[in-house]
Protein backbone atom coordinates (compact mmCIF):
# COMPACT_ATOMS: atom_id res chain seq x y z
CA MET A 1 0.02 -0.11 0.14
CA THR A 2 1.44 3.60 -1.01
CA PRO A 3 1.11 6.15 1.91
CA GLY A 4 -1.95 8.26 1.57
CA THR A 5 -4.09 5.36 -0.25
CA PRO A 6 -6.87 3.79 1.38
CA PRO A 7 -6.32 0.32 3.01
CA GLY A 8 -6.82 -3.14 1.21
CA ALA A 9 -6.94 -3.38 -2.51
CA CYS A 10 -7.17 -0.30 -4.65
CA LEU A 11 -8.11 0.83 -8.07
CA TYR A 12 -5.66 3.36 -9.71
CA ILE A 13 -6.56 5.98 -12.21
CA ALA A 14 -3.86 7.55 -13.88
CA ASP A 15 -4.26 11.41 -14.86
CA THR A 16 -1.01 11.27 -16.25
CA GLY A 17 -1.07 12.34 -19.97
CA ASP A 18 0.59 15.41 -21.21
CA ASN A 19 1.03 15.80 -24.95
CA GLU A 20 2.51 19.21 -24.44
CA MET A 21 4.74 18.38 -21.29
CA ALA A 22 3.37 21.34 -19.75
CA ARG A 23 1.93 20.27 -16.58
CA LYS A 24 3.69 21.02 -13.49
CA SER A 25 2.17 17.89 -11.93
CA VAL A 26 -0.15 14.80 -12.46
CA VAL A 27 -2.63 12.84 -10.34
CA ILE A 28 -3.03 9.10 -9.58
CA TYR A 29 -6.65 8.64 -7.92
CA ALA A 30 -6.70 5.55 -5.48
CA VAL A 31 -10.26 4.05 -4.55
CA ALA A 32 -10.46 1.34 -2.31
CA GLU A 33 -11.90 -1.47 -4.68
CA PRO A 34 -15.66 -2.16 -4.22
CA ASP A 35 -17.16 -5.50 -4.44
CA PRO A 36 -18.33 -6.36 -7.91
CA PRO A 37 -21.89 -5.91 -8.99
CA GLY A 38 -24.21 -8.80 -8.02
CA ARG A 39 -23.12 -9.70 -4.54
CA ARG A 40 -25.51 -7.47 -3.29
CA SER A 41 -28.72 -5.72 -4.69
CA GLY A 42 -28.74 -1.80 -5.45
CA ALA A 43 -26.20 0.20 -7.16
CA VAL A 44 -22.68 -0.40 -6.43
CA ARG A 45 -20.99 2.93 -5.22
CA SER A 46 -17.05 3.20 -4.47
CA ALA A 47 -15.59 5.05 -1.52
CA PRO A 48 -14.23 8.67 -2.18
CA ALA A 49 -10.86 8.47 -4.37
CA THR A 50 -7.71 9.70 -2.51
CA ALA A 51 -5.65 12.01 -4.96
CA LEU A 52 -1.82 11.25 -5.16
CA ARG A 53 -0.24 14.59 -6.51
CA LEU A 54 3.30 13.90 -8.01
CA LYS A 55 6.00 15.66 -9.75
CA TYR A 56 8.46 14.34 -11.96
CA THR A 57 12.12 14.76 -10.85
CA GLY A 58 13.27 15.72 -14.43
CA GLY A 59 9.96 18.17 -15.12
CA PRO A 60 7.12 17.29 -17.01
CA ASP A 61 6.86 14.37 -19.03
CA ASP A 62 4.02 12.41 -20.99
CA VAL A 63 3.51 9.59 -19.26
CA GLU A 64 0.47 7.72 -20.91
CA ALA A 65 0.42 4.34 -18.11
CA ILE A 66 1.14 3.23 -14.87
CA TYR A 67 1.87 -0.03 -13.28
CA VAL A 68 1.69 -1.26 -9.80
CA SER A 69 3.68 -3.84 -8.61
CA PRO A 70 2.21 -7.05 -7.60
CA ARG A 71 4.55 -7.54 -4.75
CA ASP A 72 1.77 -6.77 -2.37
CA SER A 73 -1.10 -8.25 -4.07
CA ALA A 74 -2.36 -10.98 -6.42
CA LEU A 75 -2.01 -10.07 -10.58
CA TYR A 76 -4.39 -12.40 -12.42
CA ARG A 77 -3.64 -11.56 -15.86
CA LEU A 78 -0.99 -10.26 -18.35
CA VAL A 79 0.05 -7.00 -18.19
CA ALA A 80 -0.70 -5.27 -21.96
CA ILE A 81 1.17 -2.14 -22.99
CA ARG A 82 0.29 -0.47 -26.53
CA THR A 83 2.24 1.84 -28.51
CA TYR A 84 0.64 3.39 -31.82
CA SER A 85 1.34 0.25 -33.77
CA GLU A 86 1.71 -2.58 -31.38
CA ILE A 87 0.58 -4.51 -28.35
CA TYR A 88 3.09 -6.09 -26.19
CA THR A 89 2.41 -8.44 -23.25
CA PHE A 90 4.36 -8.78 -19.64
CA VAL A 91 4.23 -10.94 -16.64
CA PRO A 92 5.29 -9.63 -13.32
CA GLY A 93 8.88 -11.39 -12.37
CA GLU A 94 10.95 -11.19 -9.47
CA GLY A 95 10.16 -8.07 -7.22
CA GLY A 96 7.34 -6.85 -9.39
CA ARG A 97 9.74 -6.60 -12.29
CA LEU A 98 7.86 -6.54 -15.73
CA MET A 99 9.23 -9.55 -18.06
CA PRO A 100 7.88 -10.45 -21.66
CA SER A 101 5.05 -12.85 -21.53
CA GLY A 102 6.21 -15.01 -24.38
CA ARG A 103 3.49 -14.44 -26.52
CA PRO A 104 4.05 -12.73 -30.25
CA VAL A 105 3.69 -9.30 -30.49
CA CYS A 106 0.40 -7.95 -31.62
CA ASN A 107 0.74 -5.65 -34.71
CA VAL A 108 -2.31 -3.20 -35.02
CA THR A 109 -0.53 -0.65 -37.39
CA GLY A 110 -2.76 1.73 -39.09
CA LEU A 111 -5.90 0.83 -36.91
CA GLU A 112 -6.03 4.20 -35.09
CA VAL A 113 -4.47 7.68 -35.76
CA GLN A 114 -3.59 8.06 -32.17
CA GLY A 115 -4.38 4.86 -29.92
CA GLU A 116 -4.71 5.62 -26.31
CA ALA A 117 -6.04 3.23 -24.16
CA ILE A 118 -6.19 -0.67 -24.03
CA ASP A 119 -8.10 -3.14 -21.73
CA PHE A 120 -8.89 -7.03 -21.90
CA LEU A 121 -11.77 -8.81 -23.03
CA ASP A 122 -10.04 -12.02 -22.18
CA ASP A 123 -6.17 -13.36 -22.36
CA SER A 124 -5.98 -12.42 -26.19
CA THR A 125 -8.81 -10.12 -26.90
CA PHE A 126 -8.17 -6.44 -26.56
CA ALA A 127 -10.71 -3.30 -26.57
CA LEU A 128 -8.63 -0.30 -28.06
CA THR A 129 -9.61 3.17 -27.92
CA SER A 130 -8.40 6.19 -29.51
CA GLU A 131 -8.74 10.12 -29.24
CA ALA A 132 -10.94 12.16 -30.99
CA ASP A 133 -9.70 12.69 -34.50
CA ARG A 134 -10.22 16.36 -36.42
CA ARG A 135 -13.78 15.85 -36.59
CA GLY A 136 -14.09 15.24 -33.03
CA ARG A 137 -14.71 11.35 -33.17
CA GLY A 138 -12.80 8.73 -31.04
CA SER A 139 -12.83 4.90 -31.74
CA ILE A 140 -13.34 1.53 -30.23
CA HIS A 141 -11.90 -1.46 -31.79
CA THR A 142 -11.88 -5.16 -30.82
CA VAL A 143 -8.80 -6.89 -31.45
CA ARG A 144 -7.78 -10.73 -31.19
CA CYS A 145 -4.16 -11.09 -31.08
CA PRO A 146 -2.05 -14.29 -31.59
CA GLU A 147 -1.52 -16.73 -28.43
């Protein structure tokens, strides 16, 4: 657990992107992980998020993702990192260091002009989203990668 974060398992939401490299600080929000829907009736609400404000030692930087080491928690899936043209998958190694998963690199060249986010649908299928284009439209794609 990071000092200042809620006790127990947390969800982390990163507000760290800075394409212009002009932000003096960034924020990572930590919220205690709520029970999944279905375990109780009614709406599921989370506790209030704790804002962790950070400054990079070398000044502004454009960080588009974070990784929380599983040293103190369980990690049940591969870790996916995407570039504009490829998806790489990793697994936690000793001390929480990311190690290549051994799966092939997944090529997504040309799918989106400026891809931003990635999420797992299953171990080899991903949902990808992009920033808005000049007409103000973003995109969502589903990609199945080789196993």
